[in-house]
């Protein structure tokens, strides 16, 4: 049973709080994380990638998950298409289990999401399915071959049982290769996207427009990470300003009690000695 099926089965009989669902997942799949699957968190994963389940309420500060469509599988009540501004198009492209596909207007290259269960896309549009498992496996094999040639390191085998992906991620993190892998994976999936768009028979202008729009969403997490880094920097600046403003108001005894790491004290003394 894969993660999506496990989650759907967990909420099928009755609604369940997010904290409880997270505990069930950790017990069954200790190495799994939503981030590995391209989601921001468990809620993002459930709402985008678990067809038939979603947030149905709240319990205090916690969300409650439950069945959001009849039978936990039907999507007939959902609109066939959703404006692209409400979804992350890149995540749809890189998620083989996504319940969505991409609909691309043949004339303009405008991209929107469409339910995979929908029989057809709108008139004048072409449908692009998410990158299949075989592409992800090929990308992993290519990376493994490159790492073996460059560093003589053998990575776990790819493909086969459903759990191979988690063993793969765990090995990469243990070897400090996760950053290199993510860059390789993103670049390779971009190339695969270009090929897939070309095979649809779009005009050059529509193809370029669609490619740019889908790849644009790839950088959302990077922009978010940069924003958090900026916030941390700002917090440090605020703390330094507070410390500098407080020191003149402190007595000599207060200053003697000020806790400063010994290494910093030695560095400052050495710096003064050199002047």
Protein backbone atom coordinates (compact mmCIF):
# COMPACT_ATOMS: atom_id res chain seq x y z
CA UNK A 1 0.00 0.00 0.00
CA UNK A 2 1.43 3.40 -0.93
CA UNK A 3 1.23 6.52 1.24
CA UNK A 4 -1.77 8.01 -0.56
CA UNK A 5 -3.78 4.79 -0.24
CA UNK A 6 -2.73 4.47 3.42
CA UNK A 7 -3.95 8.01 4.20
CA UNK A 8 -7.22 7.48 2.36
CA UNK A 9 -7.80 4.24 4.28
CA UNK A 10 -6.99 5.98 7.60
CA UNK A 11 -9.67 8.66 7.13
CA UNK A 12 -12.27 6.50 5.39
CA UNK A 13 -14.22 5.37 8.48
CA UNK A 14 -14.11 8.60 10.47
CA UNK A 15 -12.42 12.04 10.47
CA UNK A 16 -9.01 12.14 12.13
CA UNK A 17 -6.90 14.98 13.53
CA UNK A 18 -3.73 15.93 11.68
CA UNK A 19 -1.49 15.09 14.64
CA UNK A 20 -3.01 11.61 14.87
CA UNK A 21 -2.64 11.03 11.14
CA UNK A 22 1.00 12.10 11.29
CA UNK A 23 1.63 9.57 14.09
CA UNK A 24 0.02 6.77 12.09
CA UNK A 25 2.17 7.59 9.07
CA UNK A 26 5.38 7.70 11.11
CA UNK A 27 4.58 4.33 12.65
CA UNK A 28 3.97 2.72 9.25
CA UNK A 29 6.50 4.67 7.15
CA UNK A 30 9.19 6.04 9.52
CA UNK A 31 11.39 7.39 6.71
CA UNK A 32 8.62 9.13 4.78
CA UNK A 33 8.20 12.91 4.63
CA UNK A 34 5.88 15.13 2.62
CA UNK A 35 8.85 17.23 1.49
CA UNK A 36 10.40 14.22 -0.27
CA UNK A 37 7.26 14.05 -2.43
CA UNK A 38 7.45 17.73 -3.34
CA UNK A 39 4.86 18.97 -0.82
CA UNK A 40 5.30 21.72 1.77
CA UNK A 41 3.83 19.65 4.59
CA UNK A 42 1.35 16.87 5.30
CA UNK A 43 -1.67 19.10 4.64
CA UNK A 44 -0.30 20.17 1.26
CA UNK A 45 0.38 16.53 0.37
CA UNK A 46 -3.11 15.35 1.36
CA UNK A 47 -4.97 18.17 -0.36
CA UNK A 48 -3.05 17.84 -3.63
CA UNK A 49 -2.06 14.22 -3.88
CA UNK A 50 -4.59 12.11 -1.96
CA UNK A 51 -7.61 11.88 -4.21
CA UNK A 52 -10.81 11.79 -2.15
CA UNK A 53 -9.38 13.08 1.15
CA UNK A 54 -8.76 16.54 2.53
CA UNK A 55 -9.33 18.97 5.39
CA UNK A 56 -12.94 18.75 6.61
CA UNK A 57 -12.71 20.84 9.80
CA UNK A 58 -10.62 21.92 12.77
CA UNK A 59 -10.12 20.78 16.35
CA UNK A 60 -8.52 23.62 18.28
CA UNK A 61 -5.28 24.48 16.48
CA UNK A 62 -5.26 21.16 14.61
CA UNK A 63 -6.88 20.42 11.25
CA UNK A 64 -9.15 17.42 10.80
CA UNK A 65 -8.88 15.19 7.73
CA UNK A 66 -11.71 13.20 6.25
CA UNK A 67 -13.36 12.01 3.03
CA UNK A 68 -14.09 14.92 0.69
CA UNK A 69 -15.80 13.04 -2.16
CA UNK A 70 -18.35 10.19 -2.26
CA UNK A 71 -16.66 6.85 -1.70
CA UNK A 72 -13.31 8.48 -1.17
CA UNK A 73 -12.44 8.19 -4.83
CA UNK A 74 -14.98 9.93 -7.04
CA UNK A 75 -14.09 13.41 -8.28
CA UNK A 76 -17.29 14.00 -10.25
CA UNK A 77 -18.27 16.88 -7.97
CA UNK A 78 -14.99 18.68 -8.58
CA UNK A 79 -14.62 21.22 -11.38
CA UNK A 80 -12.82 19.86 -14.42
CA UNK A 81 -10.28 22.67 -14.38
CA UNK A 82 -8.91 25.09 -11.82
CA UNK A 83 -7.13 28.40 -12.49
CA UNK A 84 -3.37 27.96 -12.52
CA UNK A 85 -2.91 30.62 -9.83
CA UNK A 86 -4.40 28.21 -7.25
CA UNK A 87 -1.98 25.35 -7.85
CA UNK A 88 1.70 24.62 -8.19
CA UNK A 89 2.10 23.44 -11.78
CA UNK A 90 5.66 22.20 -11.28
CA UNK A 91 4.61 19.92 -8.43
CA UNK A 92 1.90 18.41 -10.61
CA UNK A 93 4.45 17.71 -13.34
CA UNK A 94 6.95 16.04 -10.98
CA UNK A 95 4.38 13.97 -9.00
CA UNK A 96 3.54 10.64 -10.72
CA UNK A 97 0.71 10.00 -8.25
CA UNK A 98 -0.84 13.45 -8.62
CA UNK A 99 -4.64 13.37 -9.11
CA UNK A 100 -4.15 16.18 -11.61
CA UNK A 101 -2.73 16.59 -15.09
CA UNK A 102 -1.89 19.79 -16.99
CA UNK A 103 -4.12 21.34 -19.63
CA UNK A 104 -2.31 23.57 -22.13
CA UNK A 105 -4.06 25.93 -24.53
CA UNK A 106 -2.72 25.21 -28.02
CA UNK A 107 -2.84 28.85 -29.11
CA UNK A 108 -1.64 30.78 -26.06
CA UNK A 109 0.28 28.21 -24.03
CA UNK A 110 -1.75 29.09 -20.90
CA UNK A 111 -1.55 26.21 -18.41
CA UNK A 112 -4.16 25.04 -15.90
CA UNK A 113 -4.72 21.88 -13.89
CA UNK A 114 -7.31 19.28 -14.84
CA UNK A 115 -8.48 16.25 -12.89
CA UNK A 116 -6.89 13.08 -14.24
CA UNK A 117 -10.26 11.38 -14.03
CA UNK A 118 -11.75 13.91 -16.45
CA UNK A 119 -12.57 12.29 -19.79
CA UNK A 120 -11.23 15.16 -21.87
CA UNK A 121 -9.75 18.64 -21.69
CA UNK A 122 -11.40 21.78 -23.00
CA UNK A 123 -11.64 22.34 -26.72
CA UNK A 124 -8.46 23.88 -28.09
CA UNK A 125 -6.31 22.49 -25.27
CA UNK A 126 -3.87 19.61 -25.01
CA UNK A 127 -3.34 17.42 -21.98
CA UNK A 128 0.03 16.72 -20.38
CA UNK A 129 0.23 13.92 -17.80
CA UNK A 130 2.69 14.13 -14.87
CA UNK A 131 6.15 12.68 -15.47
CA UNK A 132 5.74 8.89 -15.07
CA UNK A 133 7.68 6.73 -12.63
CA UNK A 134 9.99 5.49 -15.39
CA UNK A 135 11.33 9.02 -15.91
CA UNK A 136 12.06 9.44 -12.18
CA UNK A 137 13.79 6.07 -12.11
CA UNK A 138 15.90 6.97 -15.16
CA UNK A 139 16.90 10.28 -13.54
CA UNK A 140 17.95 8.45 -10.37
CA UNK A 141 19.95 5.87 -12.33
CA UNK A 142 21.73 8.63 -14.24
CA UNK A 143 22.64 10.38 -10.99
CA UNK A 144 23.86 7.13 -9.43
CA UNK A 145 26.10 6.47 -12.45
CA UNK A 146 27.52 9.98 -12.29
CA UNK A 147 28.29 9.75 -8.57
CA UNK A 148 29.91 6.34 -9.06
CA UNK A 149 32.16 7.70 -11.80
CA UNK A 150 33.06 10.88 -9.92
CA UNK A 151 33.40 9.58 -6.34
CA UNK A 152 33.37 5.78 -6.61
CA UNK A 153 30.27 5.67 -4.41
CA UNK A 154 27.57 3.08 -5.03
CA UNK A 155 24.02 4.27 -4.32
CA UNK A 156 21.02 1.98 -3.64
CA UNK A 157 19.30 0.41 -6.63
CA UNK A 158 16.41 2.32 -8.19
CA UNK A 159 12.95 1.18 -9.21
CA UNK A 160 11.28 -2.06 -8.28
CA UNK A 161 9.51 -2.16 -4.88
CA UNK A 162 7.53 0.88 -3.78
CA UNK A 163 9.96 1.55 -0.93
CA UNK A 164 13.03 2.12 -3.11
CA UNK A 165 12.49 5.87 -3.14
CA UNK A 166 12.73 6.19 0.67
CA UNK A 167 15.90 4.08 0.86
CA UNK A 168 17.32 6.25 -1.91
CA UNK A 169 16.56 9.52 -0.09
CA UNK A 170 17.93 8.20 3.18
CA UNK A 171 21.21 7.14 1.54
CA UNK A 172 21.62 10.51 -0.18
CA UNK A 173 21.14 12.42 3.07
CA UNK A 174 23.58 10.14 4.87
CA UNK A 175 26.23 10.83 2.21
CA UNK A 176 25.54 14.56 2.05
CA UNK A 177 24.41 14.28 -1.57
CA UNK A 178 20.82 15.47 -1.18
CA UNK A 179 21.53 19.01 -2.46
CA UNK A 180 23.36 17.69 -5.54
CA UNK A 181 20.56 15.21 -6.16
CA UNK A 182 17.80 17.84 -5.98
CA UNK A 183 19.66 20.04 -8.46
CA UNK A 184 20.22 17.09 -10.80
CA UNK A 185 16.60 15.97 -10.47
CA UNK A 186 15.18 19.44 -11.14
CA UNK A 187 17.42 19.97 -14.17
CA UNK A 188 16.59 16.52 -15.58
CA UNK A 189 12.85 16.97 -15.08
CA UNK A 190 13.07 20.35 -16.83
CA UNK A 191 14.63 18.61 -19.81
CA UNK A 192 11.95 15.92 -19.70
CA UNK A 193 9.30 18.66 -19.62
CA UNK A 194 10.75 20.29 -22.73
CA UNK A 195 10.65 16.95 -24.52
CA UNK A 196 7.06 16.24 -23.41
CA UNK A 197 5.87 19.67 -24.54
CA UNK A 198 7.57 19.23 -27.92
CA UNK A 199 5.82 15.88 -28.37
CA UNK A 200 2.43 17.54 -27.87
CA UNK A 201 2.91 19.45 -31.12
CA UNK A 202 2.54 22.94 -29.65
CA UNK A 203 3.71 25.97 -31.57
CA UNK A 204 7.11 27.30 -30.54
CA UNK A 205 5.50 30.32 -28.88
CA UNK A 206 2.93 28.26 -26.95
CA UNK A 207 5.58 25.72 -25.95
CA UNK A 208 7.88 28.41 -24.58
CA UNK A 209 5.01 30.06 -22.72
CA UNK A 210 3.86 26.79 -21.14
CA UNK A 211 7.40 25.76 -20.19
CA UNK A 212 8.13 29.11 -18.53
CA UNK A 213 4.87 29.04 -16.59
CA UNK A 214 5.36 25.50 -15.26
CA UNK A 215 9.01 25.99 -14.33
CA UNK A 216 8.17 29.29 -12.64
CA UNK A 217 6.45 27.37 -9.85
CA UNK A 218 9.61 25.34 -9.23
CA UNK A 219 11.23 28.36 -7.58
CA UNK A 220 8.43 29.00 -5.05
CA UNK A 221 10.11 26.93 -2.34
CA UNK A 222 13.47 28.55 -3.07
CA UNK A 223 11.96 32.03 -2.74
CA UNK A 224 10.33 30.94 0.51
CA UNK A 225 13.64 29.63 1.85
CA UNK A 226 15.36 32.89 0.92
CA UNK A 227 12.60 34.80 2.69
CA UNK A 228 13.10 32.75 5.86
CA UNK A 229 16.86 33.36 5.67
CA UNK A 230 16.19 37.08 5.36
CA UNK A 231 13.91 36.93 8.40
CA UNK A 232 16.61 35.17 10.41
CA UNK A 233 19.16 37.81 9.38
CA UNK A 234 16.77 40.54 10.39
CA UNK A 235 16.22 38.90 13.77
CA UNK A 236 19.98 38.81 14.38
CA UNK A 237 20.29 42.49 13.47
CA UNK A 238 17.50 43.34 15.90
CA UNK A 239 19.19 41.35 18.66
CA UNK A 240 22.54 43.10 18.07
CA UNK A 241 20.83 46.48 18.20
CA UNK A 242 19.09 45.57 21.46
CA UNK A 243 22.35 44.36 23.01
CA UNK A 244 24.25 47.50 22.01
CA UNK A 245 21.47 49.69 23.37
CA UNK A 246 21.36 47.78 26.66
CA UNK A 247 25.11 47.75 27.44
CA UNK A 248 25.40 51.48 28.31
CA UNK A 249 22.60 51.03 30.85
CA UNK A 250 24.31 48.12 32.59
CA UNK A 251 26.45 48.46 35.71
CA UNK A 252 29.95 47.01 35.97
CA UNK A 253 28.61 44.10 38.01
CA UNK A 254 25.96 43.45 35.36
CA UNK A 255 28.64 43.39 32.67
CA UNK A 256 30.71 40.92 34.71
CA UNK A 257 27.72 38.59 34.79
CA UNK A 258 27.15 38.87 31.04
CA UNK A 259 27.55 35.44 29.48
CA UNK A 260 29.81 35.36 26.40
CA UNK A 261 31.26 32.18 24.83
CA UNK A 262 34.93 31.78 25.80
CA UNK A 263 36.00 31.38 22.19
CA UNK A 264 34.60 34.80 21.30
CA UNK A 265 36.42 36.39 24.27
CA UNK A 266 39.72 34.86 23.15
CA UNK A 267 39.18 36.01 19.56
CA UNK A 268 38.53 39.59 20.70
CA UNK A 269 41.61 39.58 22.96
CA UNK A 270 43.77 38.26 20.12
CA UNK A 271 42.39 40.91 17.77
CA UNK A 272 43.26 43.72 20.23
CA UNK A 273 46.73 42.25 20.75
CA UNK A 274 47.42 42.47 17.02
CA UNK A 275 46.39 46.12 16.78
